[in-house]
Protein backbone atom coordinates (compact mmCIF):
# COMPACT_ATOMS: atom_id res chain seq x y z
CA MET A 1 -4.07 124.83 -52.41
CA SER A 2 -6.49 121.67 -53.43
CA TYR A 3 -5.77 120.43 -56.60
CA PRO A 4 -8.23 117.89 -58.47
CA LEU A 5 -5.03 114.82 -58.47
CA THR A 6 -4.51 114.99 -54.40
CA ASP A 7 -8.08 114.76 -53.59
CA ARG A 8 -8.14 111.32 -56.61
CA ILE A 9 -5.76 110.01 -54.27
CA LEU A 10 -6.99 110.46 -51.31
CA SER A 11 -10.57 109.39 -52.75
CA ASN A 12 -8.91 105.72 -54.06
CA LEU A 13 -6.67 105.72 -50.60
CA ALA A 14 -9.64 106.80 -47.72
CA HIS A 15 -8.67 104.21 -46.55
CA ILE A 16 -5.27 104.72 -45.66
CA ALA A 17 -4.48 107.93 -42.71
CA SER A 18 -3.28 110.63 -44.51
CA GLU A 19 -1.93 113.80 -42.87
CA ILE A 20 -0.71 117.25 -44.03
CA VAL A 21 2.39 118.85 -42.61
CA PRO A 22 3.97 122.53 -43.90
CA ASP A 23 7.46 120.80 -45.76
CA SER A 24 8.74 117.40 -45.02
CA THR A 25 11.77 118.35 -42.97
CA ALA A 26 10.93 116.59 -39.47
CA LEU A 27 9.80 113.15 -41.48
CA LEU A 28 12.97 112.58 -43.84
CA GLU A 29 14.76 113.61 -40.63
CA ALA A 30 12.71 110.59 -39.05
CA ILE A 31 12.71 108.67 -42.07
CA GLY A 32 17.11 108.85 -42.08
CA ARG A 33 17.23 107.52 -38.58
CA ALA A 34 15.69 104.47 -39.72
CA THR A 35 18.18 101.05 -40.63
CA ASP A 36 17.21 101.48 -44.72
CA PRO A 37 16.26 105.40 -44.86
CA ILE A 38 15.84 104.46 -48.55
CA GLY A 39 13.73 101.36 -47.83
CA GLU A 40 11.30 103.48 -45.24
CA GLY A 41 11.06 106.05 -48.29
CA LYS A 42 9.15 103.83 -50.37
CA LYS A 43 6.47 103.15 -47.58
CA ILE A 44 5.20 106.86 -47.87
CA LEU A 45 4.28 108.70 -50.60
CA CYS A 46 3.86 112.55 -50.81
CA ILE A 47 1.88 114.71 -52.61
CA THR A 48 3.17 117.86 -53.18
CA LYS A 49 3.66 120.83 -56.08
CA GLN A 50 6.40 120.85 -58.66
CA LYS A 51 8.29 124.49 -57.99
CA GLY A 52 10.15 124.28 -61.09
CA GLY A 53 10.18 123.17 -64.26
CA PHE A 54 8.53 119.34 -65.31
CA ILE A 55 10.53 118.77 -69.06
CA LYS A 56 14.03 118.08 -69.05
CA PRO A 57 16.12 116.52 -71.44
CA CYS A 58 17.70 112.74 -71.04
CA PRO A 59 20.58 113.20 -68.76
CA CYS A 60 23.06 111.76 -71.96
CA THR A 61 26.73 113.08 -71.18
CA SER A 62 28.10 114.39 -74.04
CA HIS A 63 30.63 111.34 -74.25
CA TYR A 64 28.08 109.19 -75.60
CA LEU A 65 25.43 109.29 -77.98
CA GLY A 66 21.92 110.70 -77.24
CA CYS A 67 18.68 110.35 -78.33
CA ASN A 68 17.00 114.01 -78.16
CA TYR A 69 14.59 112.00 -75.34
CA PHE A 70 12.97 113.44 -72.88
CA ILE A 71 11.60 113.48 -69.57
CA VAL A 72 8.50 114.64 -67.76
CA ASN A 73 9.15 114.58 -64.32
CA ALA A 74 5.47 114.04 -62.86
CA ASP A 75 6.52 111.31 -60.05
CA LEU A 76 9.06 110.55 -58.40
CA ASN A 77 10.49 107.35 -56.80
CA CYS A 78 9.12 104.11 -57.26
CA PRO A 79 7.17 101.41 -55.12
CA LEU A 80 9.64 98.48 -56.64
CA ASP A 81 13.43 98.35 -55.04
CA CYS A 82 15.61 97.37 -58.03
CA THR A 83 19.43 96.83 -56.36
CA TYR A 84 20.97 98.32 -59.07
CA CYS A 85 18.23 101.89 -59.61
CA ILE A 86 20.22 104.67 -59.82
CA LEU A 87 17.17 106.71 -57.92
CA GLN A 88 19.08 105.59 -54.14
CA LEU A 89 21.86 107.76 -55.08
CA TYR A 90 20.32 110.52 -57.65
CA LEU A 91 16.68 111.84 -55.65
CA SER A 92 17.37 114.09 -52.75
CA ASP A 93 15.32 112.14 -50.55
CA SER A 94 13.40 108.81 -50.94
CA LEU A 95 9.89 109.56 -50.31
CA ILE A 96 7.65 108.66 -53.46
CA THR A 97 6.33 112.03 -54.10
CA VAL A 98 3.62 112.76 -56.92
CA HIS A 99 3.37 116.65 -57.57
CA ALA A 100 -0.39 117.21 -58.50
CA ASN A 101 -0.45 120.75 -60.35
CA THR A 102 -1.30 119.08 -63.42
CA GLU A 103 -2.55 122.12 -64.56
CA ASP A 104 1.31 123.61 -64.78
CA LEU A 105 2.16 120.16 -66.37
CA TRP A 106 -0.19 120.93 -69.39
CA GLU A 107 1.13 124.66 -69.96
CA GLN A 108 4.75 123.64 -69.70
CA LEU A 109 4.09 120.93 -72.30
CA ASP A 110 1.87 123.21 -74.40
CA ARG A 111 4.26 125.29 -74.30
CA PHE A 112 7.25 123.04 -74.77
CA LEU A 113 5.40 121.64 -78.37
CA ARG A 114 4.65 124.67 -79.84
CA MET A 115 8.57 125.68 -79.23
CA ASN A 116 9.29 122.42 -80.81
CA ARG A 117 6.47 121.96 -83.71
CA GLY A 118 7.11 119.92 -86.72
CA ARG A 119 10.39 117.83 -84.83
CA GLY A 120 9.65 113.90 -84.14
CA LEU A 121 9.81 114.45 -80.31
CA ARG A 122 9.94 111.19 -77.80
CA MET A 123 9.24 111.94 -74.51
CA GLY A 124 8.31 109.79 -71.66
CA THR A 125 8.04 109.54 -67.67
CA GLY A 126 10.03 106.78 -65.88
CA GLU A 127 12.85 107.51 -66.03
CA LEU A 128 12.59 108.85 -61.85
CA GLY A 129 9.59 107.13 -61.27
CA ASP A 130 8.06 103.77 -62.96
CA SER A 131 5.31 104.82 -65.10
CA LEU A 132 1.96 102.83 -63.82
CA ALA A 133 3.41 101.38 -60.78
CA LEU A 134 0.83 104.05 -58.94
CA ASP A 135 -1.61 104.18 -61.76
CA HIS A 136 -3.74 103.12 -60.02
CA ILE A 137 -4.19 105.30 -57.17
CA THR A 138 -3.16 108.51 -59.79
CA GLY A 139 -5.06 108.00 -62.80
CA ARG A 140 -2.00 109.69 -64.44
CA SER A 141 -2.09 106.76 -67.64
CA ARG A 142 -5.59 108.50 -68.26
CA ASP A 143 -5.02 112.19 -68.62
CA PHE A 144 -1.82 111.62 -70.99
CA ILE A 145 -3.83 109.47 -73.07
CA ALA A 146 -6.79 112.29 -72.67
CA TYR A 147 -3.87 115.45 -73.35
CA PHE A 148 -1.76 113.93 -76.04
CA ARG A 149 -4.69 112.26 -78.08
CA LYS A 150 -5.67 116.65 -78.69
CA ARG A 151 -1.84 117.22 -79.89
CA SER A 152 -2.78 113.74 -82.93
CA SER A 153 -1.53 116.35 -84.93
CA ASP A 154 2.17 117.36 -83.58
CA GLN A 155 5.07 114.45 -84.81
CA VAL A 156 5.18 113.45 -80.91
CA PHE A 157 5.38 110.38 -78.78
CA PHE A 158 4.50 109.61 -75.24
CA GLU A 159 6.50 107.00 -73.81
CA LEU A 160 4.61 104.90 -70.57
CA LYS A 161 7.67 103.01 -69.27
CA THR A 162 7.14 100.62 -66.50
CA LYS A 163 8.41 97.51 -65.25
CA THR A 164 4.62 96.17 -63.74
CA VAL A 165 1.72 94.79 -65.07
CA ASN A 166 -0.94 97.87 -63.93
CA ILE A 167 -2.51 97.93 -67.19
CA GLU A 168 -6.04 98.43 -65.96
CA ASN A 169 -6.13 102.21 -66.91
CA LEU A 170 -4.61 101.29 -69.95
CA MET A 171 -6.93 98.96 -71.22
CA GLU A 172 -10.22 101.61 -70.14
CA SER A 173 -9.01 103.93 -72.27
CA PRO A 174 -9.81 105.33 -75.42
CA LEU A 175 -6.27 104.78 -78.07
CA SER A 176 -4.10 107.70 -79.00
CA ASP A 177 -1.81 106.99 -81.63
CA ARG A 178 0.81 109.06 -79.37
CA ILE A 179 0.94 106.79 -76.75
CA ILE A 180 3.74 104.23 -76.61
CA ILE A 181 3.42 101.67 -73.83
CA ALA A 182 7.65 100.17 -72.97
CA TRP A 183 8.44 97.55 -70.40
CA SER A 184 12.10 97.05 -69.07
CA LEU A 185 12.62 93.66 -69.90
CA ASN A 186 16.07 91.23 -68.54
CA SER A 187 16.49 87.92 -68.35
CA GLU A 188 14.17 85.93 -65.81
CA GLN A 189 16.78 85.09 -63.05
CA MET A 190 18.13 89.14 -63.38
CA ALA A 191 14.36 90.00 -62.49
CA ARG A 192 14.01 87.34 -60.33
CA GLN A 193 17.07 88.47 -58.18
CA GLU A 194 17.51 91.65 -58.74
CA GLU A 195 14.07 93.33 -59.43
CA ILE A 196 12.43 92.99 -56.42
CA GLY A 197 9.09 93.80 -56.18
CA ALA A 198 8.61 94.03 -60.30
CA PRO A 199 6.21 90.71 -61.51
CA THR A 200 8.22 88.47 -63.29
CA VAL A 201 9.45 89.33 -67.41
CA ARG A 202 6.84 86.96 -68.30
CA LYS A 203 3.89 88.14 -66.76
CA ARG A 204 5.20 91.70 -68.25
CA ILE A 205 5.09 90.23 -71.39
CA GLU A 206 1.93 89.21 -70.97
CA ALA A 207 0.27 92.59 -70.27
CA ALA A 208 1.88 94.32 -73.38
CA ARG A 209 0.42 91.61 -75.42
CA GLU A 210 -2.87 92.68 -74.07
CA VAL A 211 -2.62 96.26 -74.50
CA VAL A 212 -1.48 95.82 -78.03
CA ARG A 213 -4.38 93.67 -78.66
CA LYS A 214 -6.18 97.05 -77.33
CA GLY A 215 -4.92 98.81 -79.83
CA PHE A 216 -1.80 100.66 -78.06
CA ARG A 217 1.72 100.34 -79.83
CA VAL A 218 4.32 98.95 -77.43
CA ALA A 219 8.03 99.10 -77.29
CA PHE A 220 10.78 97.55 -74.93
CA HIS A 221 13.79 98.30 -72.68
CA PHE A 222 16.72 95.84 -72.09
CA ASP A 223 18.31 97.82 -69.93
CA PRO A 224 20.16 97.14 -67.50
CA VAL A 225 21.93 94.08 -69.30
CA ILE A 226 23.15 92.07 -66.23
CA ARG A 227 26.29 89.41 -67.59
CA TYR A 228 25.80 86.70 -64.85
CA ALA A 229 26.59 82.70 -66.15
CA GLY A 230 24.23 81.76 -68.89
CA TRP A 231 23.13 85.03 -69.48
CA GLU A 232 23.07 84.46 -73.22
CA MET A 233 20.52 81.82 -72.09
CA GLY A 234 18.61 83.15 -70.18
CA TYR A 235 17.91 86.80 -72.52
CA GLU A 236 17.59 84.63 -75.26
CA GLU A 237 14.57 82.22 -73.96
CA ILE A 238 13.20 86.17 -72.92
CA ILE A 239 13.37 87.22 -76.97
CA ASP A 240 12.01 84.26 -77.89
CA THR A 241 8.83 84.46 -75.29
CA LEU A 242 8.69 88.43 -76.83
CA PHE A 243 8.36 87.90 -80.20
CA THR A 244 6.06 85.45 -80.48
CA SER A 245 3.74 87.18 -78.17
CA ILE A 246 4.01 90.50 -79.92
CA PRO A 247 3.70 91.15 -83.30
CA ALA A 248 6.37 93.66 -84.89
CA ASP A 249 5.30 95.44 -86.25
CA ARG A 250 3.61 96.87 -83.39
CA ILE A 251 6.71 97.64 -81.40
CA ALA A 252 8.08 101.16 -81.79
CA TRP A 253 11.49 100.93 -80.89
CA ILE A 254 13.98 98.38 -78.82
CA SER A 255 16.74 100.16 -76.74
CA LEU A 256 19.69 97.99 -75.09
CA GLY A 257 21.52 99.33 -72.61
CA SER A 258 24.51 97.71 -69.83
CA LEU A 259 24.41 97.65 -66.01
CA ARG A 260 25.67 101.19 -65.22
CA PHE A 261 25.82 103.27 -62.07
CA PRO A 262 27.82 106.03 -60.35
CA PRO A 263 30.72 104.72 -58.26
CA HIS A 264 29.22 105.55 -55.04
CA LEU A 265 25.90 103.41 -55.57
CA LYS A 266 27.99 100.06 -55.47
CA ALA A 267 28.52 100.52 -51.83
CA ILE A 268 24.73 100.95 -51.16
CA ILE A 269 24.42 98.12 -53.52
CA ARG A 270 26.38 96.33 -51.38
CA LYS A 271 24.89 97.24 -47.44
CA ARG A 272 21.42 97.01 -49.24
CA PHE A 273 21.62 94.08 -51.08
CA PRO A 274 23.92 91.69 -49.51
CA ARG A 275 22.85 88.55 -51.44
CA SER A 276 22.94 91.02 -55.00
CA ARG A 277 25.92 89.76 -57.02
CA ILE A 278 25.81 92.57 -59.59
CA THR A 279 29.00 94.81 -57.83
CA ASP A 280 31.07 91.63 -58.01
CA GLU A 281 32.36 91.84 -61.40
CA GLU A 282 35.16 93.76 -62.62
CA LEU A 283 33.66 97.44 -63.80
CA VAL A 284 35.44 100.10 -65.25
CA ARG A 285 35.24 103.94 -65.25
CA GLY A 286 33.24 104.76 -68.36
CA GLU A 287 33.93 108.19 -70.17
CA ASP A 288 30.82 109.80 -67.86
CA GLY A 289 32.49 107.87 -64.82
CA LYS A 290 29.93 105.14 -64.49
CA LEU A 291 30.85 102.20 -63.31
CA ARG A 292 30.55 100.00 -66.58
CA TYR A 293 31.89 96.35 -68.08
CA PHE A 294 35.02 96.51 -70.06
CA LYS A 295 34.32 97.47 -73.47
CA PRO A 296 34.88 93.84 -74.79
CA LEU A 297 32.16 92.39 -72.49
CA ARG A 298 29.26 94.59 -73.12
CA LEU A 299 30.18 93.91 -77.63
CA LYS A 300 29.95 90.40 -76.99
CA MET A 301 26.67 91.14 -74.64
CA TYR A 302 25.16 93.35 -76.98
CA ARG A 303 25.92 91.20 -80.37
CA HIS A 304 24.36 88.43 -79.07
CA ILE A 305 21.31 90.33 -78.03
CA ALA A 306 21.04 92.53 -81.14
CA SER A 307 21.36 88.99 -83.00
CA CYS A 308 18.83 87.39 -81.10
CA ILE A 309 16.49 90.12 -81.96
CA LYS A 310 17.23 90.35 -85.68
CA ARG A 311 16.89 87.01 -86.47
CA ALA A 312 13.71 86.85 -84.31
CA VAL A 313 11.82 89.70 -86.43
CA ARG A 314 14.57 90.01 -89.50
CA ASN A 315 14.67 94.55 -88.99
CA ARG A 316 11.63 95.21 -88.53
CA VAL A 317 12.22 96.98 -85.34
CA ARG A 318 14.09 100.01 -84.39
CA LEU A 319 17.24 99.41 -82.48
CA TYR A 320 19.22 101.59 -80.33
CA PHE A 321 21.71 102.08 -77.93
CA CYS A 322 21.09 103.76 -74.18
CA MET A 323 24.24 105.62 -73.47
CA GLU A 324 26.90 104.16 -75.80
CA SER A 325 29.53 105.19 -78.37
CA GLY A 326 29.37 105.81 -81.81
CA GLU A 327 31.85 103.02 -81.76
CA MET A 328 29.71 100.51 -80.50
CA TRP A 329 26.18 101.28 -82.97
CA ARG A 330 29.45 100.75 -85.79
CA LYS A 331 30.16 97.50 -84.28
CA VAL A 332 26.84 95.81 -83.63
CA LEU A 333 23.97 97.80 -85.53
CA LEU A 334 26.20 98.26 -88.35
CA LYS A 335 25.50 102.02 -88.92
CA GLU A 336 26.93 105.02 -86.95
CA PRO A 337 24.99 108.19 -86.48
CA LYS A 338 26.55 111.62 -86.63
CA GLY A 339 24.37 113.29 -83.17
CA LYS A 340 21.05 113.21 -81.64
CA GLU A 341 19.39 114.65 -84.01
CA GLU A 342 20.05 111.75 -86.36
CA ILE A 343 19.03 108.90 -83.53
CA GLU A 344 15.66 111.09 -83.11
CA ASN A 345 14.94 110.86 -86.81
CA TYR A 346 15.71 107.58 -87.04
CA LEU A 347 13.31 106.31 -83.73
CA SER A 348 10.65 108.11 -85.44
CA LEU A 349 10.94 106.39 -89.24
CA PRO A 350 8.04 103.61 -88.06
CA PHE A 351 5.70 106.06 -87.47
CA GLU A 352 5.90 107.76 -91.30
CA GLY A 353 3.34 107.31 -93.71
């Protein structure tokens, strides 16, 4: 069966050879014999059908406070190659995968929104693959904007999360107050060393400024915050750049999260990125089993970054934590939500009235 999205992608990639295969078994076996199977998989775009559900709850464990965020898994994997990326371990294969059966996606979204009518929902792509990295090929952003423009009566906000500056389709699209364009930010040093293939952080902020001028709301995610010599100044410089470029009233939310990853990812990072130093720090197992900085170190980092943000915007932006405890909320943000429903309501406040 042919899908319109498949035709669109093949048209945009007419200069590149394509092949129809009954399944990917032989291809994956060949990639598995490569020196770097993960890197080899990033060179191949697989267009297929999503056979299961597109919509999943964000996988925050019960040990930390979640925010009732829902992930839409339209595409999997990413052409960028961040050293800390959990997808190196999490995905069952290394191919960049686009699920072309978008009519099934719209049907599932229709059903999901009907079941959750009246809630201040936050949803988005960008968890299992960058939302905009392939947008010049797939045009996904235009599709999502067109869909949510028709859902203006729903209290749902859809986030397109990226590390790229691939905003051409956004600039040519009509506005939707349901769409939030979000960027993952880091210090320039960490972006240069650990976010391989991604634009500089200042270029990301410039792209955010352009979409704000267009009329979209934006969001930012300092995640993962990484500790290194000089981290205080590195993050402070980016925060200063951010808030001299983007008006606070156009920012929907900002999240904070520290470096964390499953223990088995450590060996993958060291093998694929021997120059990376992120695994040299002393890390401990958190309550969710992931390796993290000691709590006092996380607390120090969060307090510094949060104070820089608050000083710049005078509490006019909603800050929240990704996968942290109520204790961390209380000690840094001076509030301790009772549960994910309260965080969901807290993050919907900027859109009220």
